[in-house]
Amino acid sequence: MDRRDFFLNSALASTGAAISLTGNEEAMHAENSEEKNTTISASVENTLLEIPIFCAHEHWGSVNAIGMTAEGFRADTLAGAEPLRKASVWDLVLDPYFGGWISAAGYDANGEAHRHGHDSMINWWQNKPLEALSSIESPLRAQHYTGAFQCIRQGIHLLHDVDIAAMQPAVWQQADDSIQKAYITLFSWYRHSMKTMNISELIRPVHPEFFLNSEAAADEERAFTHPILRIDPLLELWPSECPRRDRLAAGLGVEPRDADSWRNFITVLFDLAATKGNVGIKQLQAYTRSLDFVYRKDRDVTFSGTLNEKEKKVFQDWVVHECCKQAHDRNWSHQVHTGTHNLEQSSPLPLASLANRYPNMKIVLLHCWPFLEESGFLAKHTPNIYLDTCWQTVLNPAYLEQALTQWLGYIPSTKIMCSQDATSVEMAAGSVAITRSILNQALIRCNTAWKLPKSSLYTYAADILNNNAVSVYNAGTTYSP
């Protein structure tokens, strides 16, 4: 099955193959309109396959085979990080996202493996594949209609030509063998997969250490990857005893102690990142606190010690503003995690003041669900705020349908992007397939409702899939359908 055939057949049942009317209206208009609608849908979807997709927020490499460091996933802290052992289908299935949700639903895969005398699920699978797969079959089937499973399943289907939904040992062994072989040459595999998926550019959030530490394959990775600097680790460098701050200070040659030295520390880090092709900054403080970053004066900040919650927030606010000043001066974009966790405090609305203070810094609201209306409001009324639907298909493809339905009727198409936010290239591949199908249906709805010419729909698609990200991140090439 080639790429075009896969995409044309990979949409979830909920999205449908073409837009049609319902009820009595469907019966009345079927003879005259069904063939026309189907033709338009196929035409638009075929053209969407030719439009490249810019993956502006991916976590490829966040799997156990590549490993962890004290700071987080090894792929995010060490340029050129390759697998430390043979990769497995279980690395992809029991990834931080889907694997975590399986655990949250009550099945501890590695715990079950331990109870049966094995070190891990992979070890169990290697020793007793029938027993291992049988143990997880029911928990997996309960997740078959979730976005995360479908992204992984469809990505493995596309890139390895195996459908793991069959839940058959021989099929899973075939997937395991193919993934193991592909990951031996990791970055060649990424580039091959990007070509297969028609992915134009790749942006990955990385820790500050990524710009200080590298392995032999670092240049190979940098050849096709744009890093974006995570600033959230900087917000945690306030304790008196802070080994991570000390390591970064040694690497950068600047010890941050007060306002002036902290500014110098940030400047040196940003300068270094710029030499390595960095395209912006990213933070996920919405996991732990509100996004209300108040401007603070130097004299109000305690830069280290045993800080209470109020002092900690003041320090974090100061660091964010200093980073935003740098991003503003460098015309770097700022990705901000919004929603999905810590819902009482992860609304994007407070970010309007940050956007107004730093107009040369484009703020990209990531995820946005369930704050779709709030995010749309900010993007409509704030020139330098943009939206990226990344992770919506992984959470639930219906969230992407909901977002596009709301936003396409409200804000300019130049404000919307569709990244995937996947832990592996396989998950990204499935998410890309689903995203293209859902966007296809959204554009057909626009055509049906507003009688727009197909050329206008193709321009919308090119903006959303590729061109907006090219403009926001100053990377890549625009596409004209």
Protein backbone atom coordinates (compact mmCIF):
# COMPACT_ATOMS: atom_id res chain seq x y z
CA MET A 1 0.00 0.00 0.00
CA ASP A 2 1.57 3.34 -1.03
CA ARG A 3 1.30 6.66 0.82
CA ARG A 4 -1.67 7.95 -1.19
CA ASP A 5 -3.68 4.74 -0.76
CA PHE A 6 -2.92 4.64 2.94
CA PHE A 7 -4.10 8.19 3.55
CA LEU A 8 -7.24 7.74 1.51
CA ASN A 9 -8.19 4.72 3.63
CA SER A 10 -6.88 5.69 7.07
CA ALA A 11 -9.51 8.11 8.38
CA LEU A 12 -11.32 7.14 11.55
CA ALA A 13 -14.92 6.06 11.06
CA SER A 14 -16.12 9.14 12.94
CA THR A 15 -14.74 11.48 10.29
CA GLY A 16 -16.47 9.76 7.37
CA ALA A 17 -15.21 9.40 3.84
CA ALA A 18 -17.13 12.39 2.50
CA ILE A 19 -19.55 15.04 3.72
CA SER A 20 -23.19 14.22 3.08
CA LEU A 21 -26.59 15.49 4.17
CA THR A 22 -28.74 13.56 6.66
CA GLY A 23 -32.35 12.53 7.17
CA ASN A 24 -35.01 13.42 4.60
CA GLU A 25 -32.71 15.98 2.97
CA GLU A 26 -30.25 13.21 2.16
CA ALA A 27 -32.92 11.19 0.42
CA MET A 28 -34.10 14.24 -1.54
CA HIS A 29 -30.66 15.32 -2.69
CA ALA A 30 -28.73 12.05 -2.89
CA GLU A 31 -29.20 11.51 -6.61
CA ASN A 32 -28.00 15.02 -7.52
CA SER A 33 -25.38 15.70 -4.88
CA GLU A 34 -23.83 12.46 -3.65
CA GLU A 35 -21.58 11.98 -6.65
CA LYS A 36 -20.61 15.67 -6.65
CA ASN A 37 -19.77 15.72 -2.92
CA THR A 38 -17.78 12.50 -3.16
CA THR A 39 -15.84 13.85 -6.13
CA ILE A 40 -15.07 17.12 -4.35
CA SER A 41 -14.00 15.31 -1.20
CA ALA A 42 -11.67 12.98 -3.07
CA SER A 43 -10.27 15.88 -5.09
CA VAL A 44 -9.54 17.96 -2.00
CA GLU A 45 -8.04 15.04 -0.09
CA ASN A 46 -5.84 14.07 -3.04
CA THR A 47 -4.53 17.63 -3.19
CA LEU A 48 -3.95 17.70 0.57
CA LEU A 49 -1.60 14.74 0.15
CA GLU A 50 0.61 16.88 -2.04
CA ILE A 51 0.76 19.72 0.51
CA PRO A 52 3.68 19.19 2.92
CA ILE A 53 3.01 19.27 6.64
CA PHE A 54 5.31 21.18 8.99
CA CYS A 55 5.68 19.29 12.30
CA ALA A 56 6.45 22.18 14.64
CA HIS A 57 6.15 20.45 18.00
CA GLU A 58 7.34 16.86 18.20
CA HIS A 59 8.90 14.73 20.93
CA TRP A 60 10.37 11.99 18.71
CA GLY A 61 12.80 9.91 20.73
CA SER A 62 10.83 10.03 23.98
CA VAL A 63 10.89 6.25 24.26
CA ASN A 64 12.67 3.87 26.61
CA ALA A 65 15.00 2.45 23.97
CA ILE A 66 16.74 5.83 23.67
CA GLY A 67 16.81 6.28 27.42
CA MET A 68 16.59 8.88 30.16
CA THR A 69 18.94 11.31 31.90
CA ALA A 70 18.62 13.20 35.17
CA GLU A 71 17.05 16.08 33.23
CA GLY A 72 14.51 14.03 31.26
CA PHE A 73 14.43 12.12 28.00
CA ARG A 74 17.92 11.55 26.66
CA ALA A 75 16.88 12.62 23.14
CA ASP A 76 15.99 16.06 24.55
CA THR A 77 19.24 16.59 26.45
CA LEU A 78 21.90 15.07 24.19
CA ALA A 79 22.21 16.05 20.54
CA GLY A 80 22.56 12.98 18.36
CA ALA A 81 21.21 10.54 20.95
CA GLU A 82 20.57 7.11 19.43
CA PRO A 83 19.01 3.96 20.95
CA LEU A 84 20.93 2.38 23.82
CA ARG A 85 19.44 -1.03 23.02
CA LYS A 86 17.35 -2.68 20.33
CA ALA A 87 14.06 -0.86 19.88
CA SER A 88 10.77 -2.75 20.19
CA VAL A 89 7.13 -2.33 19.31
CA TRP A 90 6.61 -2.11 23.07
CA ASP A 91 8.70 1.06 23.23
CA LEU A 92 6.15 2.68 20.94
CA VAL A 93 3.03 1.24 22.55
CA LEU A 94 4.13 1.78 26.16
CA ASP A 95 5.34 5.29 25.44
CA PRO A 96 4.94 8.17 27.94
CA TYR A 97 1.53 9.12 26.50
CA PHE A 98 -0.35 5.95 25.64
CA GLY A 99 1.59 3.82 28.12
CA GLY A 100 0.69 6.28 30.85
CA TRP A 101 -2.99 6.20 29.90
CA ILE A 102 -3.01 2.40 29.91
CA SER A 103 -1.60 2.57 33.44
CA ALA A 104 -4.17 5.19 34.45
CA ALA A 105 -6.89 2.80 33.26
CA GLY A 106 -5.63 0.18 35.71
CA TYR A 107 -3.09 -1.98 33.85
CA ASP A 108 0.55 -1.78 34.99
CA ALA A 109 2.42 -3.53 32.17
CA ASN A 110 5.82 -3.72 33.82
CA GLY A 111 4.19 -4.58 37.14
CA GLU A 112 2.45 -7.52 35.50
CA ALA A 113 5.77 -8.56 33.96
CA HIS A 114 7.43 -8.48 37.38
CA ARG A 115 4.66 -10.61 38.85
CA HIS A 116 5.34 -13.22 36.17
CA GLY A 117 9.08 -13.22 36.84
CA HIS A 118 10.32 -10.85 34.11
CA ASP A 119 12.23 -7.58 34.30
CA SER A 120 9.94 -5.67 31.95
CA MET A 121 7.18 -6.06 29.39
CA ILE A 122 9.80 -6.24 26.63
CA ASN A 123 11.65 -8.98 28.49
CA TRP A 124 8.37 -10.86 29.04
CA TRP A 125 7.54 -10.55 25.34
CA GLN A 126 10.98 -11.84 24.36
CA ASN A 127 10.72 -14.86 26.65
CA LYS A 128 7.00 -15.71 26.47
CA PRO A 129 5.30 -13.68 23.71
CA LEU A 130 1.94 -15.48 23.86
CA GLU A 131 1.67 -14.98 27.61
CA ALA A 132 2.74 -11.32 27.45
CA LEU A 133 0.36 -10.36 24.63
CA SER A 134 -2.49 -12.28 26.26
CA SER A 135 -1.98 -10.34 29.48
CA ILE A 136 -2.33 -6.92 27.83
CA GLU A 137 -4.90 -7.85 25.16
CA SER A 138 -8.01 -6.79 27.09
CA PRO A 139 -6.53 -3.48 28.34
CA LEU A 140 -5.41 -2.68 24.79
CA ARG A 141 -8.75 -3.55 23.20
CA ALA A 142 -10.42 -1.19 25.67
CA GLN A 143 -8.24 1.58 24.18
CA HIS A 144 -8.67 0.72 20.49
CA TYR A 145 -10.92 3.69 19.75
CA THR A 146 -8.75 6.24 21.55
CA GLY A 147 -6.73 8.76 19.61
CA ALA A 148 -3.41 7.60 21.04
CA PHE A 149 -3.89 3.98 20.00
CA GLN A 150 -5.11 4.95 16.55
CA CYS A 151 -2.15 7.26 15.98
CA ILE A 152 0.30 4.51 16.97
CA ARG A 153 -1.60 1.81 15.10
CA GLN A 154 -2.00 3.77 11.88
CA GLY A 155 1.59 5.00 12.00
CA ILE A 156 2.94 1.46 12.36
CA HIS A 157 0.60 0.40 9.56
CA LEU A 158 1.87 3.15 7.29
CA LEU A 159 5.58 2.89 8.02
CA HIS A 160 5.91 -0.85 8.73
CA ASP A 161 2.91 -2.28 6.83
CA VAL A 162 1.58 -4.11 9.91
CA ASP A 163 -1.76 -3.64 11.70
CA ILE A 164 -1.28 -4.30 15.42
CA ALA A 165 -5.03 -4.03 16.03
CA ALA A 166 -5.18 -7.67 14.98
CA MET A 167 -3.71 -8.57 18.40
CA GLN A 168 -2.06 -11.65 16.89
CA PRO A 169 1.42 -12.71 18.11
CA ALA A 170 2.76 -13.21 14.56
CA VAL A 171 1.63 -9.71 13.57
CA TRP A 172 3.18 -8.14 16.67
CA GLN A 173 6.40 -10.05 16.05
CA GLN A 174 6.48 -8.69 12.51
CA ALA A 175 6.03 -5.16 13.85
CA ASP A 176 8.71 -5.76 16.48
CA ASP A 177 11.21 -7.01 13.91
CA SER A 178 10.55 -4.11 11.52
CA ILE A 179 10.83 -1.44 14.24
CA GLN A 180 14.03 -2.99 15.59
CA LYS A 181 15.60 -2.90 12.14
CA ALA A 182 14.45 0.66 11.37
CA TYR A 183 15.78 2.13 14.62
CA ILE A 184 19.31 0.80 14.05
CA THR A 185 19.89 3.86 11.83
CA LEU A 186 17.63 6.25 13.71
CA PHE A 187 18.10 9.52 11.86
CA SER A 188 18.05 7.88 8.44
CA TRP A 189 14.79 6.28 9.53
CA TYR A 190 13.38 9.66 10.59
CA ARG A 191 14.28 11.20 7.24
CA HIS A 192 12.81 8.26 5.33
CA SER A 193 9.59 8.51 7.36
CA MET A 194 9.36 12.27 6.83
CA LYS A 195 9.63 11.75 3.08
CA THR A 196 6.98 9.03 3.19
CA MET A 197 4.64 11.28 5.17
CA ASN A 198 5.46 14.41 3.14
CA ILE A 199 6.66 16.18 6.31
CA SER A 200 8.51 19.32 5.29
CA GLU A 201 10.18 20.42 8.55
CA LEU A 202 10.64 19.15 12.09
CA ILE A 203 10.88 21.20 15.30
CA ARG A 204 11.71 19.49 18.61
CA PRO A 205 11.66 21.10 22.07
CA VAL A 206 14.97 20.43 23.83
CA HIS A 207 16.51 21.12 27.24
CA PRO A 208 19.31 23.68 27.67
CA GLU A 209 21.78 20.80 28.00
CA PHE A 210 21.07 19.81 24.39
CA PHE A 211 23.23 22.73 23.22
CA LEU A 212 26.12 21.76 25.49
CA ASN A 213 26.27 17.99 25.03
CA SER A 214 26.42 15.93 21.86
CA GLU A 215 27.26 12.52 20.44
CA ALA A 216 28.76 11.50 17.12
CA ALA A 217 25.43 11.66 15.27
CA ALA A 218 24.65 15.24 16.36
CA ASP A 219 25.43 16.77 12.97
CA GLU A 220 23.23 14.19 11.26
CA GLU A 221 20.34 15.12 13.54
CA ARG A 222 20.89 18.87 13.15
CA ALA A 223 20.81 18.52 9.36
CA PHE A 224 17.02 18.10 9.38
CA THR A 225 15.87 19.11 12.88
CA HIS A 226 15.16 22.59 14.23
CA PRO A 227 15.52 22.72 18.02
CA ILE A 228 13.41 24.99 20.18
CA LEU A 229 14.78 25.83 23.61
CA ARG A 230 12.75 24.82 26.63
CA ILE A 231 12.93 27.60 29.22
CA ASP A 232 10.84 25.84 31.88
CA PRO A 233 13.94 24.20 33.41
CA LEU A 234 15.36 27.69 34.08
CA LEU A 235 12.37 28.47 36.27
CA GLU A 236 13.41 25.74 38.71
CA LEU A 237 17.02 26.83 39.27
CA TRP A 238 16.40 28.79 42.47
CA PRO A 239 17.36 26.38 45.34
CA SER A 240 20.59 27.11 47.26
CA GLU A 241 21.81 23.61 46.40
CA CYS A 242 21.03 23.09 42.72
CA PRO A 243 23.26 20.64 40.83
CA ARG A 244 21.55 21.33 37.51
CA ARG A 245 22.17 25.08 37.80
CA ASP A 246 25.79 24.38 38.71
CA ARG A 247 26.28 22.11 35.69
CA LEU A 248 24.74 24.66 33.32
CA ALA A 249 26.80 27.46 34.87
CA ALA A 250 29.98 25.47 34.34
CA GLY A 251 29.07 24.70 30.74
CA LEU A 252 28.13 28.28 29.90
CA GLY A 253 30.87 29.93 31.94
CA VAL A 254 28.41 32.12 33.84
CA GLU A 255 27.17 31.57 37.40
CA PRO A 256 23.70 33.13 37.87
CA ARG A 257 23.54 34.79 41.32
CA ASP A 258 21.73 38.11 40.90
CA ALA A 259 19.81 40.06 38.27
CA ASP A 260 22.84 41.04 36.18
CA SER A 261 24.48 37.61 36.21
CA TRP A 262 21.15 35.92 35.47
CA ARG A 263 20.67 38.18 32.44
CA ASN A 264 24.15 37.29 31.27
CA PHE A 265 23.48 33.58 31.90
CA ILE A 266 20.34 33.71 29.76
CA THR A 267 22.07 35.72 27.03
CA VAL A 268 24.99 33.29 26.77
CA LEU A 269 22.58 30.32 26.65
CA PHE A 270 20.45 31.94 23.95
CA ASP A 271 23.52 32.91 21.92
CA LEU A 272 24.76 29.33 22.05
CA ALA A 273 21.35 27.98 21.04
CA ALA A 274 21.25 30.39 18.11
CA THR A 275 24.54 28.98 16.78
CA LYS A 276 22.92 25.51 16.84
CA GLY A 277 19.92 26.55 14.73
CA ASN A 278 17.45 27.26 17.52
CA VAL A 279 14.16 28.79 16.33
CA GLY A 280 12.40 29.87 19.54
CA ILE A 281 11.54 29.11 23.13
CA LYS A 282 9.03 26.78 24.73
CA GLN A 283 7.65 26.29 28.22
CA LEU A 284 5.15 24.01 29.95
CA GLN A 285 4.59 25.90 33.18
CA ALA A 286 0.84 25.32 32.72
CA TYR A 287 1.38 21.89 34.26
CA THR A 288 2.15 23.44 37.64
CA ARG A 289 0.99 27.07 37.83
CA SER A 290 -1.05 29.76 36.12
CA LEU A 291 0.14 31.49 32.97
CA ASP A 292 -0.17 34.91 34.59
CA PHE A 293 3.45 36.06 34.36
CA VAL A 294 3.63 39.40 36.15
CA TYR A 295 6.41 41.82 35.25
CA ARG A 296 8.81 42.03 38.22
CA LYS A 297 11.51 44.56 39.10
CA ASP A 298 14.97 43.30 39.99
CA ARG A 299 14.73 44.47 43.58
CA ASP A 300 11.61 42.36 44.19
CA VAL A 301 13.28 39.05 43.25
CA THR A 302 15.03 36.54 45.48
CA PHE A 303 17.33 34.65 43.13
CA SER A 304 18.25 31.67 45.30
CA GLY A 305 17.68 30.11 48.70
CA THR A 306 14.76 28.41 50.39
CA LEU A 307 11.97 30.26 48.61
CA ASN A 308 8.35 30.17 49.71
CA GLU A 309 5.59 29.85 47.12
CA LYS A 310 5.20 33.61 46.68
CA GLU A 311 8.95 34.14 46.26
CA LYS A 312 9.15 31.23 43.84
CA LYS A 313 6.43 32.73 41.65
CA VAL A 314 8.16 36.12 41.64
CA PHE A 315 11.41 34.47 40.55
CA GLN A 316 9.66 32.48 37.82
CA ASP A 317 7.84 35.56 36.54
CA TRP A 318 11.15 37.43 36.31
CA VAL A 319 12.87 34.61 34.39
CA VAL A 320 9.99 34.30 31.90
CA HIS A 321 10.06 38.02 31.17
CA GLU A 322 13.83 38.01 30.69
CA CYS A 323 13.50 35.10 28.26
CA CYS A 324 10.68 36.86 26.44
CA LYS A 325 12.79 40.01 26.10
CA GLN A 326 15.46 37.93 24.42
CA ALA A 327 12.92 36.20 22.16
CA HIS A 328 11.41 39.58 21.27
CA ASP A 329 14.82 41.01 20.32
CA ARG A 330 15.73 37.91 18.28
CA ASN A 331 12.30 37.57 16.59
CA TRP A 332 11.95 34.10 18.09
CA SER A 333 8.58 32.50 18.66
CA HIS A 334 7.38 31.28 22.05
CA GLN A 335 5.46 28.01 22.34
CA VAL A 336 3.28 27.80 25.46
CA HIS A 337 1.58 24.63 26.69
CA THR A 338 -2.08 25.41 27.49
CA GLY A 339 -4.91 23.23 28.79
CA THR A 340 -5.02 19.40 29.05
CA HIS A 341 -3.68 19.42 32.65
CA ASN A 342 -4.05 21.61 35.73
CA LEU A 343 -7.25 22.92 34.16
CA GLU A 344 -7.99 25.44 36.89
CA GLN A 345 -4.80 27.34 36.03
CA SER A 346 -3.91 26.46 32.44
CA SER A 347 -6.22 28.88 30.63
CA PRO A 348 -4.33 30.88 27.97
CA LEU A 349 -6.17 34.15 28.66
CA PRO A 350 -3.44 35.67 30.89
CA LEU A 351 -0.98 35.40 28.01
CA ALA A 352 -2.53 38.43 26.29
CA SER A 353 -0.50 40.78 28.49
CA LEU A 354 2.73 38.92 27.63
CA ALA A 355 1.91 39.14 23.92
CA ASN A 356 1.21 42.87 24.15
CA ARG A 357 4.43 43.56 26.03
CA TYR A 358 6.61 41.70 23.48
CA PRO A 359 5.02 42.30 20.07
CA ASN A 360 7.97 40.89 18.07
CA MET A 361 7.59 37.55 19.86
CA LYS A 362 4.97 35.33 18.24
CA ILE A 363 3.21 33.27 20.94
CA VAL A 364 1.99 29.86 19.80
CA LEU A 365 -0.70 28.34 22.02
CA LEU A 366 -0.14 24.58 22.05
CA HIS A 367 -2.95 22.02 22.42
CA CYS A 368 -5.61 24.59 23.46
CA TRP A 369 -8.17 21.95 24.49
CA PRO A 370 -10.48 22.43 26.36
CA PHE A 371 -9.89 26.19 26.05
CA LEU A 372 -10.78 26.31 22.35
CA GLU A 373 -12.96 29.41 22.63
CA GLU A 374 -10.47 31.28 24.80
CA SER A 375 -7.61 30.39 22.46
CA GLY A 376 -9.61 31.43 19.41
CA PHE A 377 -10.47 34.75 21.07
CA LEU A 378 -6.81 35.51 21.74
CA ALA A 379 -5.75 34.58 18.21
CA LYS A 380 -8.49 36.72 16.67
CA HIS A 381 -7.77 39.84 18.70
CA THR A 382 -4.01 39.66 19.33
CA PRO A 383 -1.76 40.05 16.27
CA ASN A 384 1.12 37.93 17.59
CA ILE A 385 -0.84 34.98 19.03
CA TYR A 386 -1.20 31.80 16.97
CA LEU A 387 -2.74 28.36 17.54
CA ASP A 388 -1.31 24.88 17.11
CA THR A 389 -3.66 21.91 17.39
CA CYS A 390 -0.79 19.58 18.30
CA TRP A 391 -1.72 16.65 20.56
CA GLN A 392 -5.46 17.02 19.82
CA THR A 393 -5.50 13.96 17.55
CA VAL A 394 -3.51 11.97 20.11
CA LEU A 395 -5.95 12.93 22.87
CA ASN A 396 -9.05 12.46 20.71
CA PRO A 397 -9.47 13.22 16.99
CA ALA A 398 -12.90 14.65 17.80
CA TYR A 399 -11.11 17.51 19.58
CA LEU A 400 -9.43 18.47 16.30
CA GLU A 401 -12.79 18.35 14.53
CA GLN A 402 -14.22 20.58 17.24
CA ALA A 403 -11.32 23.03 17.06
CA LEU A 404 -11.43 23.38 13.27
CA THR A 405 -15.20 23.78 13.31
CA GLN A 406 -14.89 26.65 15.79
CA TRP A 407 -11.79 28.33 14.44
CA LEU A 408 -12.32 28.21 10.66
CA GLY A 409 -15.52 30.19 11.12
CA TYR A 410 -13.92 32.72 13.46
CA ILE A 411 -10.23 33.45 12.87
CA PRO A 412 -8.00 33.82 9.79
CA SER A 413 -6.54 30.62 8.40
CA THR A 414 -3.11 32.23 8.80
CA LYS A 415 -3.38 31.82 12.58
CA ILE A 416 -3.81 28.00 12.67
CA MET A 417 -1.20 25.23 12.56
CA CYS A 418 -1.50 21.45 12.86
CA SER A 419 1.51 19.79 14.48
CA GLN A 420 1.27 16.30 15.97
CA ASP A 421 3.12 16.23 19.37
CA ALA A 422 4.17 12.60 19.12
CA THR A 423 6.73 10.60 21.10
CA SER A 424 7.80 8.58 18.06
CA VAL A 425 7.86 9.09 14.32
CA GLU A 426 5.32 6.26 14.07
CA MET A 427 2.85 8.05 16.33
CA ALA A 428 3.42 11.21 14.30
CA ALA A 429 2.74 9.33 11.06
CA GLY A 430 -0.63 8.13 12.30
CA SER A 431 -1.48 11.56 13.63
CA VAL A 432 -0.58 13.17 10.29
CA ALA A 433 -2.89 10.76 8.46
CA ILE A 434 -5.79 11.49 10.81
CA THR A 435 -5.12 15.24 10.73
CA ARG A 436 -5.18 15.38 6.94
CA SER A 437 -8.48 13.46 6.84
CA ILE A 438 -10.16 15.68 9.43
CA LEU A 439 -8.91 18.86 7.75
CA ASN A 440 -10.23 17.51 4.46
CA GLN A 441 -13.69 17.10 5.96
CA ALA A 442 -13.58 20.55 7.58
CA LEU A 443 -12.73 22.18 4.26
CA ILE A 444 -15.49 20.26 2.48
CA ARG A 445 -17.95 21.58 5.09
CA CYS A 446 -16.74 25.10 4.27
CA ASN A 447 -17.24 24.46 0.57
CA THR A 448 -20.73 23.04 1.13
CA ALA A 449 -21.80 25.89 3.41
CA TRP A 450 -20.18 28.88 1.71
CA LYS A 451 -19.67 27.75 -1.91
CA LEU A 452 -15.99 28.66 -1.81
CA PRO A 453 -13.86 27.80 -4.85
CA LYS A 454 -11.57 24.80 -4.44
CA SER A 455 -8.53 27.02 -5.00
CA SER A 456 -9.44 28.91 -1.83
CA LEU A 457 -9.69 25.66 0.12
CA TYR A 458 -6.27 24.55 -1.11
CA THR A 459 -4.78 27.87 -0.03
CA TYR A 460 -6.33 27.41 3.42
CA ALA A 461 -4.89 23.90 3.61
CA ALA A 462 -1.42 25.03 2.56
CA ASP A 463 -1.48 27.75 5.21
CA ILE A 464 -2.62 25.45 7.98
CA LEU A 465 -0.41 22.49 7.15
CA ASN A 466 2.82 24.27 6.22
CA ASN A 467 3.01 27.96 5.37
CA ASN A 468 1.95 29.44 8.70
CA ALA A 469 4.68 27.54 10.52
CA VAL A 470 7.24 28.65 7.93
CA SER A 471 6.33 32.25 8.73
CA VAL A 472 6.09 31.84 12.51
CA TYR A 473 9.42 30.02 12.91
CA ASN A 474 11.35 31.54 9.97
CA ALA A 475 12.22 28.04 8.78
CA GLY A 476 11.41 25.99 5.72
CA THR A 477 9.79 26.93 2.41
CA THR A 478 6.27 28.07 1.62
CA TYR A 479 4.12 25.87 -0.61
CA SER A 480 1.80 27.04 -3.37
CA PRO A 481 -0.86 24.45 -4.34
